[in-house]
């Protein structure tokens, strides 16, 4: 590469660095706040947070395998209070416990959709 092209690059780099360092912050910095701690069960469970009732507070949704190996979904309030538990006759798919959420019937409460299998 030509040396005469590199010299203007370095001459421009010094004032550009000074200008960038002196710029005021244009965006609010991200802040991570710990809102709650939950101990994960040692069982084969999967946890996701979603605002089901659209009140601005996420509910904790936990998929678990029951003692008899069947699928179950537990829904907890933000503060840890159990709202409900739903037991199913099937089993969760081994590698896929994805839950899909959506208010498909327009009642202002999101529904949960997931797959189970029967043997």
Protein backbone atom coordinates (compact mmCIF):
# COMPACT_ATOMS: atom_id res chain seq x y z
CA UNK A 1 0.00 0.00 0.00
CA UNK A 2 1.17 3.53 -0.74
CA UNK A 3 2.70 5.38 2.27
CA UNK A 4 1.14 8.68 1.22
CA UNK A 5 -2.33 7.16 1.67
CA UNK A 6 -1.62 5.97 5.21
CA UNK A 7 -0.42 9.33 6.55
CA UNK A 8 -3.79 11.13 6.05
CA UNK A 9 -5.53 8.16 7.63
CA UNK A 10 -3.46 8.47 10.81
CA UNK A 11 -3.78 12.28 10.79
CA UNK A 12 -7.58 11.95 10.68
CA UNK A 13 -7.61 9.20 13.32
CA UNK A 14 -6.30 11.45 16.11
CA UNK A 15 -8.98 14.18 15.92
CA UNK A 16 -11.70 11.59 15.27
CA UNK A 17 -10.75 9.72 18.45
CA UNK A 18 -10.77 12.97 20.47
CA UNK A 19 -14.20 13.94 19.09
CA UNK A 20 -15.69 10.51 19.84
CA UNK A 21 -14.35 10.58 23.40
CA UNK A 22 -15.81 14.06 24.03
CA UNK A 23 -19.28 13.31 22.61
CA UNK A 24 -22.05 13.37 25.21
CA UNK A 25 -23.95 10.10 25.77
CA UNK A 26 -26.76 10.07 23.23
CA UNK A 27 -28.55 7.00 24.55
CA UNK A 28 -29.53 5.91 28.02
CA UNK A 29 -27.30 3.12 29.23
CA UNK A 30 -28.83 -0.27 29.89
CA UNK A 31 -29.32 -1.21 33.49
CA UNK A 32 -29.90 -4.76 34.70
CA UNK A 33 -32.08 -5.03 37.78
CA UNK A 34 -32.58 -8.28 39.64
CA UNK A 35 -36.30 -8.54 40.24
CA UNK A 36 -36.63 -12.03 41.71
CA UNK A 37 -34.75 -15.22 42.39
CA UNK A 38 -36.19 -18.66 41.78
CA UNK A 39 -34.53 -21.95 42.55
CA UNK A 40 -34.74 -24.37 39.67
CA UNK A 41 -36.05 -27.81 40.53
CA UNK A 42 -33.71 -30.70 40.09
CA UNK A 43 -36.42 -32.44 38.10
CA UNK A 44 -36.66 -32.31 34.35
CA UNK A 45 -38.34 -28.90 34.12
CA UNK A 46 -38.24 -25.96 31.76
CA UNK A 47 -39.11 -22.39 32.81
CA UNK A 48 -40.28 -19.44 30.71
CA UNK A 49 -41.68 -16.04 31.67
CA UNK A 50 -44.58 -14.47 29.76
CA UNK A 51 -47.28 -11.88 30.53
CA UNK A 52 -50.38 -14.05 30.05
CA UNK A 53 -53.00 -11.62 31.35
CA UNK A 54 -51.37 -8.53 29.81
CA UNK A 55 -51.12 -6.70 33.15
CA UNK A 56 -47.46 -5.75 32.73
CA UNK A 57 -46.20 -8.47 35.11
CA UNK A 58 -44.71 -11.66 33.69
CA UNK A 59 -46.04 -14.95 34.94
CA UNK A 60 -43.67 -17.88 35.46
CA UNK A 61 -44.65 -20.88 33.35
CA UNK A 62 -42.95 -24.14 34.27
CA UNK A 63 -43.25 -27.35 32.27
CA UNK A 64 -42.54 -30.43 34.35
CA UNK A 65 -42.66 -34.19 34.14
CA UNK A 66 -44.90 -35.54 36.92
CA UNK A 67 -44.00 -38.49 39.16
CA UNK A 68 -45.75 -40.84 36.74
CA UNK A 69 -43.94 -39.37 33.74
CA UNK A 70 -46.80 -37.31 32.33
CA UNK A 71 -46.62 -33.71 31.12
CA UNK A 72 -47.74 -30.87 33.37
CA UNK A 73 -47.67 -27.08 33.16
CA UNK A 74 -47.62 -24.90 36.27
CA UNK A 75 -48.39 -21.17 36.08
CA UNK A 76 -47.20 -18.87 38.87
CA UNK A 77 -47.83 -15.20 39.57
CA UNK A 78 -44.90 -12.80 39.53
CA UNK A 79 -44.56 -13.13 43.32
CA UNK A 80 -44.45 -16.97 43.19
CA UNK A 81 -48.10 -17.69 44.00
CA UNK A 82 -49.40 -20.73 42.12
CA UNK A 83 -52.22 -19.77 39.76
CA UNK A 84 -52.94 -23.17 38.30
CA UNK A 85 -51.49 -26.50 37.26
CA UNK A 86 -52.55 -28.29 34.11
CA UNK A 87 -51.92 -32.03 33.86
CA UNK A 88 -51.90 -33.85 30.52
CA UNK A 89 -52.10 -37.52 29.60
CA UNK A 90 -49.20 -37.28 27.15
CA UNK A 91 -45.46 -36.73 27.47
CA UNK A 92 -43.46 -33.71 26.40
CA UNK A 93 -41.36 -34.13 23.32
CA UNK A 94 -37.87 -35.01 24.50
CA UNK A 95 -35.94 -32.16 22.89
CA UNK A 96 -38.68 -29.64 22.25
CA UNK A 97 -40.65 -27.97 25.02
CA UNK A 98 -41.25 -24.79 23.10
CA UNK A 99 -44.35 -22.90 24.20
CA UNK A 100 -46.02 -20.52 21.79
CA UNK A 101 -48.11 -17.66 23.16
CA UNK A 102 -50.79 -15.53 21.54
CA UNK A 103 -54.19 -13.95 22.12
CA UNK A 104 -55.89 -15.76 19.26
CA UNK A 105 -59.47 -15.42 20.55
CA UNK A 106 -59.12 -11.69 21.43
CA UNK A 107 -60.10 -11.98 25.11
CA UNK A 108 -57.05 -10.03 26.39
CA UNK A 109 -55.49 -13.19 27.83
CA UNK A 110 -52.72 -14.98 25.96
CA UNK A 111 -53.12 -18.69 25.31
CA UNK A 112 -50.31 -21.25 25.53
CA UNK A 113 -49.69 -23.80 22.80
CA UNK A 114 -47.23 -26.69 22.99
CA UNK A 115 -46.93 -30.29 21.84
CA UNK A 116 -47.16 -33.52 23.79
CA UNK A 117 -47.10 -37.10 22.58
CA UNK A 118 -48.86 -40.24 23.69
CA UNK A 119 -47.24 -43.64 23.75
